[in-house]
Structures are given as structure tokens and as C-alpha cells.
């Protein structure tokens, strides 16, 4: 009679659960001795030793040396093998593709930036392959070693049509077969996610929004967007367009119709990059970019104050509308324009929101990295890679798949 290894409580299932728990602890804490790992898992010394032997034989755990100092003999230290699996993240804009590769521990091991100057009929698939190959070359691994990839783009891929919407300014990415073509060419399981949503995931993981279940990330650069997090999860909406607040009609702006055709709307026409630069020049502040104009405003009493105050009122209008619908605990301010405004602009926006909105969320400046979209893409990709790899080990031992694990696929938006 064959024993059913999927039954709860069987030794094989418990081994799988223990193996998975140990791997997560080694990721979280770094190198651990056998005794310390036993303390954290609650396992006996013999059971911990058997666990480490299994994981070492599977190529997931390596010995990294010995403890130093303290009484008694030095203990061996164990860590997750960084070479066990790799993941990649891409941040796509109209002017460049930024790619990076991380090992399973989350350490970035290769980066590459591919400029994408405007030209007739650009090929998104070619851009992705070139950027990915550049990052893999920098990491010293072939593309075949990649376990997962996450691509961040403006707009969002509608899950029903599998086409990119809300981002007409991204040339080469609107082919109806683009996701299928990417899958055929890259041959790496991948997800495509909205860039601002990925920035919010990075902020949620390691930034101002850590531990906050309900927050909004407002992104202001050339375009304006938002990520909406409810009960700890990104709210994407029926077509992936939740948070495309550049299309939000607002007081004091012309009524914009056919917004998807023109890729603009009320909030974009009020506070987008082009409008910020126009406002600055109307005040006699000369700059080549919106960010530079806002940065210069800090050094120009009078007209600089007018620019910051006007921008604060404009951004506060959009935030007040979001607050009325979502009622977040926190609003994270991100993107080049808001970063250039710094704390003076943040404080002015907060004052305006306090007078415009019934609720008054905390406002904070994003502080994850200089490339939050790429950071979010990498974090998402490596998290999924760990779940896949750890689940494989657990299933071999007879444990069920983790409830929160995601399955690899090649053509669905994240």
C-alpha cells in the first residue's frame, strides 16, 4: 500500500514545511549557525542537521565559514546559495530601458541601461532583449539562468485584451501580439506591471510605506499617476487603470474629452511636467526640465515661492479627490517633480490638503532608491522566484504548495 504523502501531518509534509521555513529565515537573517537556525525554527539539533543536509544536497544552502569570537568552538555558518536562482527587473520609459539582475538573496549583480531614442517603428521586443542581455552580461550569467522577469511600464495591460492602455506615449508597445512575441523571444517567465504600482511595492517593502496597509503613492514626472494600496494589496481595477489619475477631471482645468486618444486629462493638464515648465517660464524661472525649474525655485525668493505655492495647490486638488474616495493613512510623494520640491513643497501640499479634504493623511517623500520602479520590479521578481524555488523543494518533500505562492507565466500583467 502506497502512503499518501499529501496527507497533513505526514513526516514528508512536515519536512517540506520545515525546509521552506528555514530557507525564509536564512534569507531574512543572513548566515546562521545550525544551533541558531534550530532556535528560530524550534527544531531539535538532529532535525536541523538533517534539514541542512537536504538543502545543501539540493544546492540551495552553502557553508559560508565559521562564527568568530565567544567561548567554545567556532560553529559553521549556513546561508542560501546566491547562485541557486536569478531574477531580472526592467524599467521601461520612452527614452530608455533600465535592466538589472538579482540573485535569489536579493543582491543586484548586474545592471544595464539601453537608450531608446525616438525612431520610426521601434521594436519593444528588441529593446527588452538587448537590455536584458546587457544586464545578464554584467551579471556574468546567460539569460537561460533567469528564473523570472518583471517589466515595469507606464500604463497597464488590460487583462481581457492583453493590450497596453493609458500610455500612448510609449512607442512600440501597442502591438496586439506583443506579450506573445515577448514570451517567444525572451523565453523567461515574466510579468508586466504598471510602473507606479511597482514603485509603491518598493516603498511598501523598504520605504515610507512599510507596515502601512492603506496608502497612495502619487507620482509626478512628465506624467502623473498613482498607486492605490488597500489592505496591503495594490488595487489595479478592472482594466489595470486604477490610479491613472492624470485623466482625473479637476476644477480649474479645461474639460478634456477623448482622453485616451490624447493620453491626457484634467490633472495632467494642471500639474504634468509640461505644465510645470510652462508655469515656471511664465514666472521668469528659466530651466530645461520641470525638475530643474522646481529645484531653482528654492533659490528664488518671491517668484520661486509663487511657483511652489501654485504647485502645492494643484497637487493638493488631485490628492483631495483621492482622499475623498480612498481615505488612505499615508500619501507617499514620488517622481522627479515632487522629489525636486522636497520638504518645502511637501509641507505646502500638506497644508493645502488639510483645507481641501475631510480627512488629512500623512504626507511623506519617497525614499527607497533613485530607481524605485526598477527596485519594485526586482523585488517582485525575486519574491516570486523564491516562492517557486522553495515550493519545488517543499513539494519534493511532500508539502503542499504555499497559499500565497504565484505560478510562473509568460503573458499576464502583474
Protein backbone atom coordinates (compact mmCIF):
# COMPACT_ATOMS: atom_id res chain seq x y z
CA UNK A 1 0.00 0.00 0.00
CA UNK A 2 1.40 3.40 -1.03
CA UNK A 3 1.35 6.10 1.61
CA UNK A 4 -0.32 9.38 0.57
CA UNK A 5 2.42 11.95 1.12
CA UNK A 6 -0.04 14.83 0.65
CA UNK A 7 -1.93 13.98 3.86
CA UNK A 8 -1.45 16.64 6.55
CA UNK A 9 0.90 15.66 9.33
CA UNK A 10 2.95 13.07 7.44
CA UNK A 11 6.71 13.20 8.08
CA UNK A 12 7.42 14.13 4.44
CA UNK A 13 4.98 17.04 4.57
CA UNK A 14 6.50 18.32 7.80
CA UNK A 15 9.97 18.11 6.26
CA UNK A 16 8.80 20.25 3.37
CA UNK A 17 7.28 22.86 5.69
CA UNK A 18 10.44 22.95 7.80
CA UNK A 19 12.70 23.26 4.75
CA UNK A 20 10.67 26.17 3.43
CA UNK A 21 10.62 27.93 6.81
CA UNK A 22 14.38 27.51 7.18
CA UNK A 23 15.05 29.00 3.74
CA UNK A 24 12.96 32.05 4.54
CA UNK A 25 14.80 32.52 7.83
CA UNK A 26 18.18 32.28 6.09
CA UNK A 27 17.03 34.92 3.58
CA UNK A 28 15.77 37.18 6.35
CA UNK A 29 18.65 36.87 8.79
CA UNK A 30 21.61 36.02 6.56
CA UNK A 31 24.17 33.33 7.54
CA UNK A 32 23.10 31.34 10.61
CA UNK A 33 24.70 28.59 12.64
CA UNK A 34 22.92 25.27 12.98
CA UNK A 35 22.07 25.99 16.61
CA UNK A 36 20.70 29.46 15.85
CA UNK A 37 18.60 28.12 12.97
CA UNK A 38 17.28 25.46 15.34
CA UNK A 39 16.32 28.12 17.86
CA UNK A 40 14.46 30.17 15.24
CA UNK A 41 12.60 27.18 13.81
CA UNK A 42 12.06 25.38 17.11
CA UNK A 43 13.59 22.21 15.70
CA UNK A 44 15.92 19.81 17.50
CA UNK A 45 19.61 19.67 16.63
CA UNK A 46 19.34 16.34 14.76
CA UNK A 47 16.33 17.57 12.77
CA UNK A 48 18.09 20.84 11.93
CA UNK A 49 21.18 18.94 10.79
CA UNK A 50 19.09 16.70 8.53
CA UNK A 51 17.33 19.76 7.12
CA UNK A 52 20.61 21.49 6.30
CA UNK A 53 21.94 18.34 4.67
CA UNK A 54 18.84 18.10 2.43
CA UNK A 55 19.04 21.74 1.41
CA UNK A 56 22.78 21.55 0.80
CA UNK A 57 22.37 18.49 -1.43
CA UNK A 58 19.65 20.36 -3.34
CA UNK A 59 22.09 23.22 -4.00
CA UNK A 60 20.05 25.75 -2.02
CA UNK A 61 22.28 26.14 1.05
CA UNK A 62 26.03 26.58 1.31
CA UNK A 63 28.54 26.80 4.13
CA UNK A 64 29.90 30.36 4.38
CA UNK A 65 32.53 29.97 7.08
CA UNK A 66 32.54 29.92 10.86
CA UNK A 67 31.45 32.12 13.72
CA UNK A 68 34.10 34.33 15.33
CA UNK A 69 34.69 35.21 18.96
CA UNK A 70 32.97 33.94 22.08
CA UNK A 71 33.75 30.91 24.19
CA UNK A 72 33.78 27.39 22.84
CA UNK A 73 34.48 26.01 19.37
CA UNK A 74 33.52 28.02 16.31
CA UNK A 75 30.30 26.94 14.61
CA UNK A 76 29.74 26.59 10.89
CA UNK A 77 27.54 29.22 9.26
CA UNK A 78 24.96 28.40 6.58
CA UNK A 79 23.32 30.69 4.02
CA UNK A 80 21.07 30.46 1.00
CA UNK A 81 23.19 29.79 -2.09
CA UNK A 82 23.03 33.04 -4.12
CA UNK A 83 23.73 31.06 -7.29
CA UNK A 84 20.60 28.93 -6.81
CA UNK A 85 18.41 31.19 -8.97
CA UNK A 86 18.36 34.62 -10.60
CA UNK A 87 15.64 37.14 -11.44
CA UNK A 88 15.50 40.29 -13.56
CA UNK A 89 13.67 43.58 -13.49
CA UNK A 90 13.17 46.16 -16.24
CA UNK A 91 12.04 49.79 -16.04
CA UNK A 92 10.77 50.99 -19.41
CA UNK A 93 10.30 54.66 -20.38
CA UNK A 94 10.01 56.31 -23.81
CA UNK A 95 13.72 57.23 -23.74
CA UNK A 96 15.44 54.22 -22.14
CA UNK A 97 15.15 50.73 -20.71
CA UNK A 98 16.90 50.14 -17.40
CA UNK A 99 17.54 46.46 -16.58
CA UNK A 100 19.05 44.68 -13.61
CA UNK A 101 19.64 41.11 -12.44
CA UNK A 102 19.46 39.95 -8.83
CA UNK A 103 20.38 36.65 -7.24
CA UNK A 104 17.94 34.77 -5.01
CA UNK A 105 19.15 36.65 -1.92
CA UNK A 106 18.07 39.96 -3.45
CA UNK A 107 21.57 41.26 -4.21
CA UNK A 108 21.83 43.10 -7.52
CA UNK A 109 24.62 41.53 -9.56
CA UNK A 110 24.30 43.25 -12.92
CA UNK A 111 22.79 46.41 -14.41
CA UNK A 112 22.46 47.83 -17.90
CA UNK A 113 20.85 50.94 -19.39
CA UNK A 114 19.69 50.91 -23.01
CA UNK A 115 18.95 54.33 -24.53
CA UNK A 116 15.91 54.21 -26.83
CA UNK A 117 15.95 57.37 -28.95
CA UNK A 118 12.86 58.06 -30.99
CA UNK A 119 12.81 56.37 -34.38
CA UNK A 120 10.24 55.04 -36.82
CA UNK A 121 8.51 51.85 -35.64
CA UNK A 122 10.64 50.97 -32.59
CA UNK A 123 10.60 47.29 -31.63
CA UNK A 124 9.79 46.74 -27.95
CA UNK A 125 10.84 43.09 -28.12
CA UNK A 126 14.26 44.04 -29.44
CA UNK A 127 14.62 46.66 -26.69
CA UNK A 128 13.74 44.16 -23.95
CA UNK A 129 16.12 41.53 -25.29
CA UNK A 130 19.00 43.98 -25.66
CA UNK A 131 18.56 45.45 -22.17
CA UNK A 132 18.15 42.02 -20.61
CA UNK A 133 21.21 40.61 -22.34
CA UNK A 134 23.24 43.63 -21.24
CA UNK A 135 22.25 43.09 -17.60
CA UNK A 136 22.96 39.35 -17.82
CA UNK A 137 26.37 40.05 -19.32
CA UNK A 138 27.13 42.44 -16.46
CA UNK A 139 25.99 39.74 -14.01
CA UNK A 140 28.14 37.10 -15.69
CA UNK A 141 25.27 34.69 -16.36
CA UNK A 142 23.47 33.53 -19.52
CA UNK A 143 19.84 34.55 -19.96
CA UNK A 144 18.84 30.91 -19.50
CA UNK A 145 19.79 31.17 -15.81
CA UNK A 146 16.97 33.65 -15.19
CA UNK A 147 14.01 32.20 -13.33
CA UNK A 148 11.68 35.21 -13.53
CA UNK A 149 11.44 38.69 -15.00
CA UNK A 150 9.19 41.64 -14.18
CA UNK A 151 8.82 44.59 -16.58
CA UNK A 152 7.56 47.97 -15.40
CA UNK A 153 5.91 50.23 -17.98
CA UNK A 154 3.73 53.32 -17.96
CA UNK A 155 0.04 52.49 -18.32
CA UNK A 156 -1.24 48.96 -17.87
CA UNK A 157 -2.02 45.85 -19.89
CA UNK A 158 -5.75 45.17 -19.91
CA UNK A 159 -6.14 41.54 -18.75
CA UNK A 160 -9.06 40.94 -21.15
CA UNK A 161 -7.45 42.33 -24.33
CA UNK A 162 -3.77 41.89 -23.34
CA UNK A 163 -3.01 45.30 -24.86
CA UNK A 164 -1.29 48.30 -23.29
CA UNK A 165 -3.62 51.16 -22.39
CA UNK A 166 -3.14 54.59 -20.81
CA UNK A 167 0.34 55.01 -22.31
CA UNK A 168 0.17 56.20 -25.89
CA UNK A 169 3.48 57.99 -25.33
CA UNK A 170 5.35 54.65 -25.14
CA UNK A 171 6.15 53.83 -28.79
CA UNK A 172 6.44 50.23 -29.91
CA UNK A 173 4.43 48.76 -27.03
CA UNK A 174 0.94 48.69 -28.53
CA UNK A 175 1.19 45.63 -30.78
CA UNK A 176 -1.77 43.31 -30.09
CA UNK A 177 0.63 40.32 -30.05
CA UNK A 178 3.36 42.00 -28.02
CA UNK A 179 3.09 39.78 -24.94
CA UNK A 180 3.11 36.62 -27.05
CA UNK A 181 6.08 37.89 -29.05
CA UNK A 182 7.95 38.68 -25.84
CA UNK A 183 7.27 35.19 -24.50
CA UNK A 184 8.53 33.59 -27.71
CA UNK A 185 11.67 35.73 -27.87
CA UNK A 186 12.78 36.03 -24.25
CA UNK A 187 11.87 32.51 -23.06
CA UNK A 188 11.82 33.65 -19.43
CA UNK A 189 8.58 33.61 -17.42
CA UNK A 190 7.60 37.25 -16.96
CA UNK A 191 5.03 39.67 -15.66
CA UNK A 192 4.36 43.20 -16.88
CA UNK A 193 3.28 45.72 -14.26
CA UNK A 194 2.41 49.39 -14.07
CA UNK A 195 5.50 51.42 -13.20
CA UNK A 196 3.90 53.45 -10.40
CA UNK A 197 2.43 50.29 -8.83
CA UNK A 198 5.91 48.76 -8.80
CA UNK A 199 7.33 51.89 -7.17
CA UNK A 200 4.66 51.53 -4.48
CA UNK A 201 5.68 47.92 -3.89
CA UNK A 202 9.26 49.04 -3.36
CA UNK A 203 8.11 51.72 -0.95
CA UNK A 204 5.90 49.20 0.85
CA UNK A 205 8.78 46.76 1.17
CA UNK A 206 11.59 49.07 2.26
CA UNK A 207 10.40 52.67 2.38
CA UNK A 208 7.98 55.09 3.97
CA UNK A 209 5.01 52.77 3.48
CA UNK A 210 6.49 49.79 5.32
CA UNK A 211 3.83 48.45 7.68
CA UNK A 212 1.10 50.70 6.24
CA UNK A 213 -1.88 48.77 4.87
CA UNK A 214 -3.75 51.65 3.20
CA UNK A 215 -1.79 54.26 1.28
CA UNK A 216 -1.49 56.09 -2.02
CA UNK A 217 1.74 56.78 -3.89
CA UNK A 218 1.46 59.91 -6.04
CA UNK A 219 3.95 60.01 -8.90
CA UNK A 220 4.68 63.30 -10.68
CA UNK A 221 7.16 63.50 -13.50
CA UNK A 222 6.42 64.12 -17.17
CA UNK A 223 3.20 62.24 -16.43
CA UNK A 224 1.10 61.94 -13.31
CA UNK A 225 -0.06 58.65 -11.83
CA UNK A 226 -0.88 57.00 -8.55
CA UNK A 227 -0.70 53.58 -6.95
CA UNK A 228 -3.56 52.70 -4.62
CA UNK A 229 -2.88 50.16 -1.88
CA UNK A 230 -5.86 48.82 0.07
CA UNK A 231 -5.47 46.28 2.88
CA UNK A 232 -1.85 45.81 1.85
CA UNK A 233 -2.60 44.98 -1.79
CA UNK A 234 -2.28 47.03 -4.96
CA UNK A 235 -5.70 47.88 -6.36
CA UNK A 236 -5.38 47.67 -10.15
CA UNK A 237 -9.03 47.90 -11.23
CA UNK A 238 -10.93 46.05 -13.93
CA UNK A 239 -8.60 47.07 -16.78
CA UNK A 240 -5.45 47.84 -14.81
CA UNK A 241 -6.22 51.54 -14.92
CA UNK A 242 -6.83 52.26 -11.23
CA UNK A 243 -4.56 55.16 -10.30
CA UNK A 244 -4.34 56.68 -13.79
CA UNK A 245 -5.20 60.00 -12.17
CA UNK A 246 -3.70 62.09 -14.95
CA UNK A 247 -7.14 61.64 -16.54
CA UNK A 248 -8.92 62.95 -13.42
CA UNK A 249 -11.18 65.96 -14.20
CA UNK A 250 -10.43 68.74 -11.72
CA UNK A 251 -11.66 72.27 -11.03
CA UNK A 252 -9.77 74.97 -12.88
CA UNK A 253 -8.89 72.82 -15.90
CA UNK A 254 -10.49 72.62 -19.34
CA UNK A 255 -12.84 69.68 -19.79
CA UNK A 256 -10.73 67.20 -21.75
CA UNK A 257 -12.58 64.72 -23.92
CA UNK A 258 -11.27 61.67 -25.80
CA UNK A 259 -8.67 61.41 -23.03
CA UNK A 260 -7.29 58.04 -24.10
CA UNK A 261 -6.78 59.24 -27.64
CA UNK A 262 -4.83 62.27 -26.45
CA UNK A 263 -3.26 60.49 -23.46
CA UNK A 264 -4.06 63.44 -21.22
CA UNK A 265 -6.73 64.67 -18.84
CA UNK A 266 -7.57 67.35 -16.30
CA UNK A 267 -4.94 66.60 -13.65
CA UNK A 268 -2.24 66.06 -16.29
CA UNK A 269 -3.12 69.41 -17.89
CA UNK A 270 -2.91 71.04 -14.47
CA UNK A 271 0.27 69.58 -12.97
CA UNK A 272 2.06 67.43 -15.57
CA UNK A 273 5.68 68.07 -16.47
CA UNK A 274 4.94 70.25 -19.47
CA UNK A 275 2.55 72.40 -17.45
CA UNK A 276 5.04 72.79 -14.58
CA UNK A 277 7.66 74.02 -17.03
CA UNK A 278 5.17 76.42 -18.66
CA UNK A 279 4.22 77.83 -15.26
CA UNK A 280 7.86 78.30 -14.30
CA UNK A 281 8.68 80.15 -17.50
CA UNK A 282 5.62 82.39 -17.08
CA UNK A 283 7.15 83.46 -13.74
CA UNK A 284 10.53 84.12 -15.31
CA UNK A 285 12.16 80.93 -13.99
CA UNK A 286 14.29 79.53 -16.80
CA UNK A 287 15.02 75.81 -16.81
CA UNK A 288 15.26 72.97 -19.32
CA UNK A 289 13.22 70.45 -17.32
CA UNK A 290 10.36 70.61 -14.81
CA UNK A 291 12.60 69.16 -12.11
CA UNK A 292 15.24 71.81 -12.73
CA UNK A 293 12.59 74.53 -12.55
CA UNK A 294 11.33 73.30 -9.18
CA UNK A 295 14.88 72.97 -7.87
CA UNK A 296 15.65 76.57 -8.93
CA UNK A 297 12.51 77.80 -7.19
CA UNK A 298 14.14 77.05 -3.82
CA UNK A 299 16.81 79.66 -4.53
CA UNK A 300 14.49 82.39 -5.83
CA UNK A 301 12.51 84.21 -3.15
CA UNK A 302 9.34 85.74 -4.48
CA UNK A 303 8.74 84.04 -7.82
CA UNK A 304 10.13 80.76 -6.51
CA UNK A 305 7.65 80.89 -3.63
CA UNK A 306 4.85 81.56 -6.10
CA UNK A 307 5.82 78.50 -8.14
CA UNK A 308 5.94 76.22 -5.11
CA UNK A 309 2.66 77.57 -3.70
CA UNK A 310 0.87 77.19 -7.04
CA UNK A 311 2.15 73.65 -7.50
CA UNK A 312 1.15 72.78 -3.94
CA UNK A 313 -2.40 73.90 -4.62
CA UNK A 314 -2.55 71.97 -7.91
CA UNK A 315 -1.22 68.73 -6.44
CA UNK A 316 -3.45 69.12 -3.39
CA UNK A 317 -6.53 69.22 -5.63
CA UNK A 318 -5.73 65.78 -7.00
CA UNK A 319 -4.78 64.38 -3.61
CA UNK A 320 -8.01 65.70 -2.06
CA UNK A 321 -10.01 63.86 -4.71
CA UNK A 322 -8.11 60.65 -3.95
CA UNK A 323 -8.58 61.11 -0.21
CA UNK A 324 -12.33 61.53 -0.65
CA UNK A 325 -12.54 58.13 -2.38
CA UNK A 326 -9.80 56.05 -0.76
CA UNK A 327 -9.22 57.69 2.67
CA UNK A 328 -5.59 56.50 2.93
CA UNK A 329 -3.48 56.62 6.05
CA UNK A 330 -0.49 57.87 4.08
CA UNK A 331 0.27 59.60 0.79
CA UNK A 332 3.80 58.99 -0.50
CA UNK A 333 5.09 61.69 -2.86
CA UNK A 334 7.36 60.32 -5.60
CA UNK A 335 8.70 61.16 -9.05
CA UNK A 336 11.13 63.80 -10.24
CA UNK A 337 8.99 66.89 -9.70
CA UNK A 338 7.90 66.06 -6.17
CA UNK A 339 11.41 64.91 -5.24
CA UNK A 340 12.82 68.21 -6.52
CA UNK A 341 10.28 70.09 -4.40
CA UNK A 342 11.46 68.26 -1.30
CA UNK A 343 10.13 69.02 2.14
CA UNK A 344 9.15 72.66 1.40
CA UNK A 345 6.78 71.54 -1.37
CA UNK A 346 5.57 68.58 0.68
CA UNK A 347 4.69 70.85 3.62
CA UNK A 348 2.82 73.26 1.37
CA UNK A 349 0.88 70.40 -0.21
CA UNK A 350 0.03 69.02 3.23
CA UNK A 351 -1.32 72.41 4.35
CA UNK A 352 -3.49 72.63 1.22
CA UNK A 353 -4.79 69.08 1.60
CA UNK A 354 -5.72 69.89 5.19
CA UNK A 355 -8.03 72.65 3.99
CA UNK A 356 -9.44 70.80 0.95
CA UNK A 357 -10.03 67.25 2.24
CA UNK A 358 -12.29 65.96 5.00
CA UNK A 359 -9.54 63.57 6.11
CA UNK A 360 -5.89 64.55 6.36
CA UNK A 361 -3.47 61.69 5.64
CA UNK A 362 0.21 61.87 6.50
CA UNK A 363 2.34 63.00 3.55
CA UNK A 364 5.88 61.66 3.13
CA UNK A 365 8.54 61.87 0.44
CA UNK A 366 9.53 58.55 -1.11
CA UNK A 367 12.99 57.38 -0.05
CA UNK A 368 13.59 53.89 -1.46
CA UNK A 369 16.16 54.40 -4.24
CA UNK A 370 16.92 56.59 -7.22
CA UNK A 371 15.16 53.98 -9.37
CA UNK A 372 12.03 52.94 -7.45
CA UNK A 373 10.31 51.32 -10.46
CA UNK A 374 13.31 49.07 -11.08
CA UNK A 375 13.54 48.35 -7.34
CA UNK A 376 9.88 47.30 -7.29
CA UNK A 377 10.30 45.14 -10.40
CA UNK A 378 13.32 43.37 -8.89
CA UNK A 379 11.62 42.89 -5.53
CA UNK A 380 8.56 41.40 -7.21
CA UNK A 381 10.63 39.15 -9.46
CA UNK A 382 12.89 37.81 -6.72
CA UNK A 383 9.96 37.23 -4.35
CA UNK A 384 8.21 35.13 -6.98
CA UNK A 385 11.47 33.31 -7.73
CA UNK A 386 11.89 32.37 -4.08
CA UNK A 387 8.33 31.11 -3.85
CA UNK A 388 8.81 28.96 -6.94
CA UNK A 389 12.15 27.52 -5.86
CA UNK A 390 11.16 26.97 -2.24
CA UNK A 391 7.87 25.40 -3.30
CA UNK A 392 9.72 22.97 -5.55
CA UNK A 393 11.80 21.81 -2.61
CA UNK A 394 8.76 21.59 -0.37
CA UNK A 395 6.76 19.57 -2.92
CA UNK A 396 9.62 17.13 -3.34
CA UNK A 397 9.33 16.52 0.39
CA UNK A 398 5.57 16.11 0.14
CA UNK A 399 4.42 19.50 1.44
CA UNK A 400 1.54 21.37 -0.24
CA UNK A 401 2.14 24.48 -2.29
CA UNK A 402 2.22 27.71 -0.26
CA UNK A 403 -1.11 29.53 -0.27
CA UNK A 404 0.45 32.83 -1.29
CA UNK A 405 2.76 31.46 -3.97
CA UNK A 406 2.38 32.69 -7.52
CA UNK A 407 2.71 30.48 -10.56
CA UNK A 408 5.11 31.24 -13.37
CA UNK A 409 3.55 32.55 -16.53
CA UNK A 410 4.68 34.49 -19.53
CA UNK A 411 1.92 36.77 -20.67
CA UNK A 412 -0.17 38.13 -17.82
CA UNK A 413 0.14 41.56 -16.25
CA UNK A 414 1.15 41.69 -12.59
